[in-house]
Amino acid sequence: MAAGGDHGSPDSYRSPLASRYASPEMCFVFSDRYKFRTWRQLWLWLAEAEQTLGLPITDEQIQEMKSNLDNIDFKMAAEEEERLRHDVMAHVHTFGHCCPQAAGIIHLGATSCYVGDNTACTADHSWETLLSLDSGSLHGSPELEACPR
């Protein structure tokens, strides 16, 4: 990666300030690839948490999500966002496209804030920690609503 990042790549944050002052590593931390891969990790942790709470989520669905964390089709995501006019749902659909068995459980019970608010704090946290930090943004499931906070 070139110093300051590659402004045309999903692996780098794009900004005139980044190209002048930021390291390639810092540009990657703020890149589309890092952000959307983190969203996928959060959805995986959410599915694992929901499975432990008794929701009908299979080990195969979990494994399919794990196997596709880095399989991001940026072109498809951009097309979905143009069609849906919603960045999070565009990536839910894009992830679901490469995880057909898990498509119905990706983002289950969460709001857009679940991924948006938690992307910055995922470096050393597991789903248990994130669920306790952000359990207020989960909705739509009686099992999740009954979960003690």
N, C-alpha and C. Protein backbone atom coordinates (compact mmCIF):
# COMPACT_ATOMS: atom_id res chain seq x y z
N MET A 1 0.85 -1.16 0.00
CA MET A 1 0.00 0.00 0.00
C MET A 1 0.90 1.23 0.00
N ALA A 2 0.60 2.19 -0.84
CA ALA A 2 1.40 3.41 -0.92
C ALA A 2 1.22 4.26 0.33
N ALA A 3 2.22 5.07 0.63
CA ALA A 3 2.12 5.97 1.78
C ALA A 3 0.87 6.81 1.66
N GLY A 4 0.14 6.91 2.76
CA GLY A 4 -1.10 7.68 2.75
C GLY A 4 -2.28 6.93 2.17
N GLY A 5 -2.06 5.76 1.66
CA GLY A 5 -3.17 4.96 1.15
C GLY A 5 -3.44 5.21 -0.31
N ASP A 6 -4.18 4.31 -0.92
CA ASP A 6 -4.57 4.40 -2.33
C ASP A 6 -6.00 4.90 -2.38
N HIS A 7 -6.19 6.10 -2.88
CA HIS A 7 -7.51 6.73 -2.85
C HIS A 7 -8.56 6.02 -3.68
N GLY A 8 -8.19 5.13 -4.57
CA GLY A 8 -9.17 4.43 -5.37
C GLY A 8 -9.52 3.05 -4.85
N SER A 9 -8.97 2.67 -3.72
CA SER A 9 -9.11 1.30 -3.21
C SER A 9 -10.07 1.22 -2.04
N PRO A 10 -10.84 0.12 -1.93
CA PRO A 10 -11.67 -0.06 -0.74
C PRO A 10 -10.86 -0.40 0.50
N ASP A 11 -9.54 -0.54 0.33
CA ASP A 11 -8.66 -0.86 1.45
C ASP A 11 -8.10 0.39 2.13
N SER A 12 -8.50 1.56 1.69
CA SER A 12 -7.92 2.77 2.23
C SER A 12 -8.96 3.86 2.41
N TYR A 13 -8.85 4.60 3.50
CA TYR A 13 -9.68 5.78 3.75
C TYR A 13 -9.31 6.84 2.72
N ARG A 14 -10.28 7.52 2.17
CA ARG A 14 -10.03 8.51 1.13
C ARG A 14 -10.27 9.92 1.67
N SER A 15 -9.22 10.70 1.71
CA SER A 15 -9.29 12.08 2.18
C SER A 15 -7.98 12.77 1.82
N PRO A 16 -8.02 14.06 1.46
CA PRO A 16 -6.76 14.77 1.23
C PRO A 16 -5.87 14.77 2.48
N LEU A 17 -6.46 14.85 3.65
CA LEU A 17 -5.67 14.82 4.88
C LEU A 17 -5.00 13.47 5.06
N ALA A 18 -5.70 12.40 4.72
CA ALA A 18 -5.11 11.07 4.85
C ALA A 18 -3.92 10.91 3.91
N SER A 19 -4.06 11.40 2.68
CA SER A 19 -2.96 11.23 1.73
C SER A 19 -1.72 12.03 2.15
N ARG A 20 -1.92 13.09 2.91
CA ARG A 20 -0.78 13.90 3.35
C ARG A 20 -0.20 13.45 4.69
N TYR A 21 -1.05 13.03 5.62
CA TYR A 21 -0.60 12.89 7.01
C TYR A 21 -0.79 11.52 7.65
N ALA A 22 -1.59 10.66 7.08
CA ALA A 22 -1.90 9.38 7.73
C ALA A 22 -1.02 8.26 7.20
N SER A 23 -0.72 7.32 8.08
CA SER A 23 0.04 6.14 7.67
C SER A 23 -0.87 5.20 6.88
N PRO A 24 -0.29 4.31 6.10
CA PRO A 24 -1.10 3.31 5.40
C PRO A 24 -1.94 2.48 6.38
N GLU A 25 -1.39 2.17 7.55
CA GLU A 25 -2.13 1.38 8.54
C GLU A 25 -3.35 2.15 9.03
N MET A 26 -3.20 3.44 9.30
CA MET A 26 -4.32 4.23 9.77
C MET A 26 -5.37 4.37 8.66
N CYS A 27 -4.92 4.55 7.43
CA CYS A 27 -5.87 4.62 6.31
C CYS A 27 -6.67 3.32 6.20
N PHE A 28 -6.02 2.17 6.44
CA PHE A 28 -6.74 0.90 6.38
C PHE A 28 -7.80 0.80 7.48
N VAL A 29 -7.47 1.26 8.70
CA VAL A 29 -8.42 1.19 9.82
C VAL A 29 -9.70 1.97 9.48
N PHE A 30 -9.59 3.02 8.67
CA PHE A 30 -10.76 3.81 8.30
C PHE A 30 -11.28 3.48 6.91
N SER A 31 -10.82 2.38 6.34
CA SER A 31 -11.21 2.00 4.98
C SER A 31 -12.56 1.30 4.93
N ASP A 32 -13.12 1.26 3.73
CA ASP A 32 -14.36 0.52 3.51
C ASP A 32 -14.19 -0.96 3.82
N ARG A 33 -13.07 -1.55 3.40
CA ARG A 33 -12.88 -2.98 3.65
C ARG A 33 -12.91 -3.28 5.14
N TYR A 34 -12.20 -2.49 5.93
CA TYR A 34 -12.16 -2.71 7.37
C TYR A 34 -13.56 -2.51 7.98
N LYS A 35 -14.24 -1.45 7.58
CA LYS A 35 -15.56 -1.16 8.13
C LYS A 35 -16.56 -2.28 7.82
N PHE A 36 -16.64 -2.67 6.56
CA PHE A 36 -17.65 -3.66 6.19
C PHE A 36 -17.29 -5.06 6.64
N ARG A 37 -16.01 -5.37 6.75
CA ARG A 37 -15.61 -6.65 7.32
C ARG A 37 -15.97 -6.68 8.81
N THR A 38 -15.82 -5.54 9.48
CA THR A 38 -16.20 -5.44 10.88
C THR A 38 -17.71 -5.60 11.04
N TRP A 39 -18.50 -5.01 10.13
CA TRP A 39 -19.95 -5.21 10.18
C TRP A 39 -20.26 -6.70 10.12
N ARG A 40 -19.61 -7.41 9.22
CA ARG A 40 -19.85 -8.85 9.08
C ARG A 40 -19.47 -9.59 10.36
N GLN A 41 -18.36 -9.21 10.98
CA GLN A 41 -17.96 -9.83 12.24
C GLN A 41 -19.02 -9.57 13.31
N LEU A 42 -19.54 -8.36 13.36
CA LEU A 42 -20.59 -8.03 14.33
C LEU A 42 -21.85 -8.86 14.08
N TRP A 43 -22.23 -9.03 12.82
CA TRP A 43 -23.40 -9.86 12.51
C TRP A 43 -23.15 -11.31 12.89
N LEU A 44 -21.94 -11.79 12.71
CA LEU A 44 -21.61 -13.15 13.14
C LEU A 44 -21.75 -13.26 14.66
N TRP A 45 -21.16 -12.32 15.41
CA TRP A 45 -21.27 -12.35 16.87
C TRP A 45 -22.73 -12.25 17.31
N LEU A 46 -23.52 -11.45 16.64
CA LEU A 46 -24.94 -11.34 16.96
C LEU A 46 -25.64 -12.69 16.76
N ALA A 47 -25.37 -13.34 15.63
CA ALA A 47 -25.98 -14.65 15.36
C ALA A 47 -25.55 -15.68 16.40
N GLU A 48 -24.28 -15.66 16.79
CA GLU A 48 -23.80 -16.60 17.81
C GLU A 48 -24.50 -16.34 19.14
N ALA A 49 -24.67 -15.06 19.50
CA ALA A 49 -25.36 -14.72 20.74
C ALA A 49 -26.82 -15.16 20.69
N GLU A 50 -27.47 -14.90 19.57
CA GLU A 50 -28.87 -15.29 19.41
C GLU A 50 -29.03 -16.80 19.46
N GLN A 51 -28.07 -17.53 18.90
CA GLN A 51 -28.12 -18.98 18.95
C GLN A 51 -28.05 -19.46 20.41
N THR A 52 -27.17 -18.85 21.21
CA THR A 52 -27.06 -19.26 22.61
C THR A 52 -28.32 -18.91 23.40
N LEU A 53 -29.07 -17.92 22.93
CA LEU A 53 -30.33 -17.56 23.58
C LEU A 53 -31.49 -18.45 23.14
N GLY A 54 -31.22 -19.35 22.20
CA GLY A 54 -32.24 -20.31 21.79
C GLY A 54 -32.94 -20.01 20.49
N LEU A 55 -32.53 -18.98 19.78
CA LEU A 55 -33.15 -18.72 18.48
C LEU A 55 -32.75 -19.82 17.51
N PRO A 56 -33.60 -20.13 16.53
CA PRO A 56 -33.32 -21.24 15.61
C PRO A 56 -32.27 -20.87 14.57
N ILE A 57 -31.03 -20.79 15.01
CA ILE A 57 -29.89 -20.50 14.15
C ILE A 57 -28.99 -21.73 14.18
N THR A 58 -28.66 -22.24 13.00
CA THR A 58 -27.91 -23.50 12.93
C THR A 58 -26.40 -23.25 12.92
N ASP A 59 -25.68 -24.29 13.28
CA ASP A 59 -24.22 -24.24 13.20
C ASP A 59 -23.77 -24.02 11.75
N GLU A 60 -24.53 -24.57 10.80
CA GLU A 60 -24.19 -24.39 9.38
C GLU A 60 -24.30 -22.92 8.97
N GLN A 61 -25.33 -22.23 9.46
CA GLN A 61 -25.47 -20.80 9.15
C GLN A 61 -24.30 -20.00 9.74
N ILE A 62 -23.94 -20.33 10.97
CA ILE A 62 -22.81 -19.66 11.62
C ILE A 62 -21.53 -19.92 10.82
N GLN A 63 -21.29 -21.15 10.44
CA GLN A 63 -20.08 -21.49 9.68
C GLN A 63 -20.07 -20.79 8.32
N GLU A 64 -21.20 -20.72 7.67
CA GLU A 64 -21.27 -20.04 6.38
C GLU A 64 -20.89 -18.57 6.53
N MET A 65 -21.37 -17.93 7.59
CA MET A 65 -21.01 -16.54 7.83
C MET A 65 -19.51 -16.41 8.11
N LYS A 66 -18.97 -17.29 8.94
CA LYS A 66 -17.53 -17.27 9.25
C LYS A 66 -16.69 -17.41 7.98
N SER A 67 -17.14 -18.27 7.08
CA SER A 67 -16.39 -18.54 5.86
C SER A 67 -16.42 -17.39 4.86
N ASN A 68 -17.31 -16.44 5.04
CA ASN A 68 -17.48 -15.36 4.06
C ASN A 68 -17.22 -13.97 4.63
N LEU A 69 -16.57 -13.88 5.77
CA LEU A 69 -16.31 -12.57 6.37
C LEU A 69 -15.52 -11.65 5.44
N ASP A 70 -14.59 -12.20 4.69
CA ASP A 70 -13.75 -11.39 3.82
C ASP A 70 -14.19 -11.40 2.36
N ASN A 71 -15.26 -12.10 2.06
CA ASN A 71 -15.75 -12.23 0.69
C ASN A 71 -16.73 -11.07 0.39
N ILE A 72 -16.19 -9.87 0.26
CA ILE A 72 -17.03 -8.67 0.11
C ILE A 72 -17.04 -8.24 -1.36
N ASP A 73 -18.21 -8.20 -1.95
CA ASP A 73 -18.38 -7.75 -3.33
C ASP A 73 -18.76 -6.27 -3.27
N PHE A 74 -17.77 -5.39 -3.40
CA PHE A 74 -18.00 -3.95 -3.26
C PHE A 74 -18.89 -3.41 -4.37
N LYS A 75 -18.77 -3.98 -5.56
CA LYS A 75 -19.61 -3.53 -6.68
C LYS A 75 -21.07 -3.85 -6.39
N MET A 76 -21.35 -5.07 -5.94
CA MET A 76 -22.71 -5.45 -5.60
C MET A 76 -23.25 -4.58 -4.47
N ALA A 77 -22.43 -4.33 -3.47
CA ALA A 77 -22.87 -3.49 -2.34
C ALA A 77 -23.23 -2.09 -2.81
N ALA A 78 -22.44 -1.52 -3.71
CA ALA A 78 -22.74 -0.19 -4.23
C ALA A 78 -24.05 -0.20 -5.03
N GLU A 79 -24.26 -1.24 -5.81
CA GLU A 79 -25.51 -1.36 -6.57
C GLU A 79 -26.71 -1.52 -5.64
N GLU A 80 -26.55 -2.33 -4.60
CA GLU A 80 -27.63 -2.51 -3.62
C GLU A 80 -27.92 -1.21 -2.87
N GLU A 81 -26.87 -0.47 -2.53
CA GLU A 81 -27.09 0.80 -1.83
C GLU A 81 -27.81 1.80 -2.73
N GLU A 82 -27.45 1.82 -3.99
CA GLU A 82 -28.14 2.69 -4.95
C GLU A 82 -29.63 2.32 -5.04
N ARG A 83 -29.89 1.01 -5.07
CA ARG A 83 -31.27 0.52 -5.19
C ARG A 83 -32.06 0.74 -3.91
N LEU A 84 -31.46 0.42 -2.77
CA LEU A 84 -32.16 0.46 -1.48
C LEU A 84 -32.07 1.81 -0.78
N ARG A 85 -31.05 2.59 -1.14
CA ARG A 85 -30.80 3.89 -0.49
C ARG A 85 -30.56 3.72 1.00
N HIS A 86 -29.81 2.64 1.35
CA HIS A 86 -29.53 2.35 2.76
C HIS A 86 -28.25 1.53 2.82
N ASP A 87 -27.20 2.08 3.42
CA ASP A 87 -25.90 1.41 3.41
C ASP A 87 -25.89 0.09 4.17
N VAL A 88 -26.52 0.06 5.34
CA VAL A 88 -26.50 -1.16 6.15
C VAL A 88 -27.27 -2.28 5.43
N MET A 89 -28.47 -1.98 4.96
CA MET A 89 -29.25 -3.01 4.28
C MET A 89 -28.58 -3.47 2.99
N ALA A 90 -27.87 -2.57 2.32
CA ALA A 90 -27.12 -2.97 1.12
C ALA A 90 -26.10 -4.04 1.48
N HIS A 91 -25.44 -3.88 2.62
CA HIS A 91 -24.43 -4.87 3.02
C HIS A 91 -25.07 -6.12 3.62
N VAL A 92 -26.23 -6.00 4.22
CA VAL A 92 -26.97 -7.19 4.66
C VAL A 92 -27.28 -8.05 3.43
N HIS A 93 -27.79 -7.43 2.37
CA HIS A 93 -28.13 -8.18 1.16
C HIS A 93 -26.89 -8.74 0.47
N THR A 94 -25.80 -7.97 0.45
CA THR A 94 -24.57 -8.44 -0.18
C THR A 94 -23.98 -9.62 0.58
N PHE A 95 -23.97 -9.54 1.91
CA PHE A 95 -23.49 -10.66 2.73
C PHE A 95 -24.41 -11.87 2.54
N GLY A 96 -25.71 -11.63 2.51
CA GLY A 96 -26.67 -12.71 2.30
C GLY A 96 -26.52 -13.40 0.96
N HIS A 97 -26.08 -12.65 -0.04
CA HIS A 97 -25.87 -13.23 -1.37
C HIS A 97 -24.79 -14.31 -1.33
N CYS A 98 -23.73 -14.09 -0.55
CA CYS A 98 -22.67 -15.11 -0.49
C CYS A 98 -22.90 -16.09 0.67
N CYS A 99 -23.95 -15.87 1.45
CA CYS A 99 -24.32 -16.77 2.55
C CYS A 99 -25.81 -17.11 2.42
N PRO A 100 -26.22 -17.83 1.39
CA PRO A 100 -27.66 -18.06 1.18
C PRO A 100 -28.37 -18.77 2.33
N GLN A 101 -27.67 -19.69 3.02
CA GLN A 101 -28.32 -20.38 4.16
C GLN A 101 -28.54 -19.42 5.33
N ALA A 102 -27.63 -18.47 5.48
CA ALA A 102 -27.69 -17.54 6.62
C ALA A 102 -28.37 -16.22 6.29
N ALA A 103 -28.77 -16.01 5.05
CA ALA A 103 -29.31 -14.71 4.63
C ALA A 103 -30.44 -14.23 5.54
N GLY A 104 -31.30 -15.11 5.96
CA GLY A 104 -32.45 -14.73 6.77
C GLY A 104 -32.14 -14.37 8.22
N ILE A 105 -30.92 -14.66 8.68
CA ILE A 105 -30.59 -14.37 10.08
C ILE A 105 -29.54 -13.26 10.20
N ILE A 106 -29.00 -12.79 9.09
CA ILE A 106 -28.01 -11.71 9.14
C ILE A 106 -28.72 -10.44 9.59
N HIS A 107 -28.24 -9.84 10.66
CA HIS A 107 -28.78 -8.58 11.20
C HIS A 107 -30.10 -8.79 11.94
N LEU A 108 -30.45 -10.06 12.24
CA LEU A 108 -31.73 -10.40 12.86
C LEU A 108 -31.90 -9.69 14.20
N GLY A 109 -32.94 -8.88 14.31
CA GLY A 109 -33.27 -8.20 15.55
C GLY A 109 -32.46 -6.96 15.84
N ALA A 110 -31.58 -6.55 14.94
CA ALA A 110 -30.71 -5.40 15.20
C ALA A 110 -31.19 -4.17 14.43
N THR A 111 -30.78 -3.03 14.89
CA THR A 111 -30.99 -1.79 14.14
C THR A 111 -29.70 -1.46 13.41
N SER A 112 -29.75 -0.48 12.54
CA SER A 112 -28.54 -0.05 11.84
C SER A 112 -27.49 0.45 12.82
N CYS A 113 -27.93 0.98 13.94
CA CYS A 113 -26.99 1.48 14.94
C CYS A 113 -26.13 0.36 15.51
N TYR A 114 -26.59 -0.87 15.48
CA TYR A 114 -25.80 -1.98 16.01
C TYR A 114 -24.43 -2.03 15.33
N VAL A 115 -24.41 -1.98 13.99
CA VAL A 115 -23.12 -2.02 13.31
C VAL A 115 -22.45 -0.65 13.32
N GLY A 116 -23.22 0.39 13.11
CA GLY A 116 -22.63 1.73 13.06
C GLY A 116 -21.95 2.12 14.35
N ASP A 117 -22.62 1.89 15.47
CA ASP A 117 -22.08 2.31 16.76
C ASP A 117 -20.98 1.40 17.28
N ASN A 118 -21.01 0.13 16.91
CA ASN A 118 -20.05 -0.82 17.46
C ASN A 118 -18.81 -1.04 16.60
N THR A 119 -18.79 -0.52 15.39
CA THR A 119 -17.64 -0.75 14.51
C THR A 119 -16.36 -0.24 15.14
N ALA A 120 -16.42 0.86 15.84
CA ALA A 120 -15.21 1.46 16.42
C ALA A 120 -14.68 0.72 17.63
N CYS A 121 -15.48 -0.13 18.26
CA CYS A 121 -15.03 -0.73 19.52
C CYS A 121 -14.87 -2.25 19.45
N THR A 122 -14.62 -2.79 18.27
CA THR A 122 -14.57 -4.25 18.13
C THR A 122 -13.19 -4.87 18.27
N ALA A 123 -12.15 -4.09 18.33
CA ALA A 123 -10.79 -4.64 18.24
C ALA A 123 -10.53 -5.79 19.20
N ASP A 124 -10.86 -5.65 20.48
CA ASP A 124 -10.55 -6.69 21.46
C ASP A 124 -11.78 -7.22 22.16
N HIS A 125 -12.94 -7.13 21.53
CA HIS A 125 -14.17 -7.52 22.19
C HIS A 125 -14.80 -8.73 21.52
N SER A 126 -15.46 -9.51 22.31
CA SER A 126 -16.23 -10.64 21.80
C SER A 126 -17.70 -10.23 21.72
N TRP A 127 -18.53 -11.11 21.18
CA TRP A 127 -19.95 -10.78 21.08
C TRP A 127 -20.58 -10.60 22.44
N GLU A 128 -20.09 -11.33 23.46
CA GLU A 128 -20.68 -11.17 24.80
C GLU A 128 -20.51 -9.74 25.30
N THR A 129 -19.32 -9.18 25.11
CA THR A 129 -19.07 -7.82 25.54
C THR A 129 -19.91 -6.84 24.75
N LEU A 130 -19.94 -7.01 23.43
CA LEU A 130 -20.70 -6.08 22.61
C LEU A 130 -22.19 -6.17 22.89
N LEU A 131 -22.70 -7.37 23.13
CA LEU A 131 -24.11 -7.51 23.44
C LEU A 131 -24.45 -6.77 24.72
N SER A 132 -23.56 -6.84 25.71
CA SER A 132 -23.83 -6.13 26.96
C SER A 132 -23.70 -4.62 26.78
N LEU A 133 -22.82 -4.17 25.86
CA LEU A 133 -22.67 -2.75 25.62
C LEU A 133 -23.82 -2.16 24.83
N ASP A 134 -24.39 -2.96 23.92
CA ASP A 134 -25.36 -2.41 22.96
C ASP A 134 -26.68 -3.16 22.95
N SER A 135 -27.03 -3.81 24.03
CA SER A 135 -28.25 -4.62 24.02
C SER A 135 -29.49 -3.76 23.80
N GLY A 136 -29.41 -2.48 24.04
CA GLY A 136 -30.55 -1.61 23.82
C GLY A 136 -30.92 -1.45 22.36
N SER A 137 -29.99 -1.76 21.42
CA SER A 137 -30.31 -1.58 20.01
C SER A 137 -30.89 -2.84 19.38
N LEU A 138 -31.02 -3.90 20.14
CA LEU A 138 -31.61 -5.13 19.60
C LEU A 138 -33.12 -5.05 19.76
N HIS A 139 -33.82 -5.45 18.73
CA HIS A 139 -35.28 -5.37 18.81
C HIS A 139 -35.92 -6.44 17.94
N GLY A 140 -37.19 -6.62 18.13
CA GLY A 140 -37.95 -7.48 17.24
C GLY A 140 -38.04 -8.94 17.64
N SER A 141 -37.41 -9.35 18.69
CA SER A 141 -37.47 -10.74 19.09
C SER A 141 -37.83 -10.83 20.56
N PRO A 142 -38.91 -11.56 20.91
CA PRO A 142 -39.28 -11.69 22.31
C PRO A 142 -38.16 -12.29 23.16
N GLU A 143 -37.37 -13.24 22.56
CA GLU A 143 -36.27 -13.82 23.32
C GLU A 143 -35.22 -12.77 23.66
N LEU A 144 -34.93 -11.88 22.71
CA LEU A 144 -33.94 -10.84 22.96
C LEU A 144 -34.48 -9.77 23.90
N GLU A 145 -35.76 -9.43 23.77
CA GLU A 145 -36.35 -8.42 24.64
C GLU A 145 -36.41 -8.92 26.09
N ALA A 146 -36.56 -10.23 26.26
CA ALA A 146 -36.64 -10.79 27.62
C ALA A 146 -35.26 -10.99 28.24
N CYS A 147 -34.21 -10.85 27.44
CA CYS A 147 -32.85 -11.06 27.94
C CYS A 147 -32.51 -10.00 28.98
N PRO A 148 -32.02 -10.40 30.17
CA PRO A 148 -31.66 -9.40 31.19
C PRO A 148 -30.54 -8.50 30.71
N ARG A 149 -30.63 -7.23 31.06
CA ARG A 149 -29.62 -6.24 30.65
C ARG A 149 -28.82 -5.81 31.83
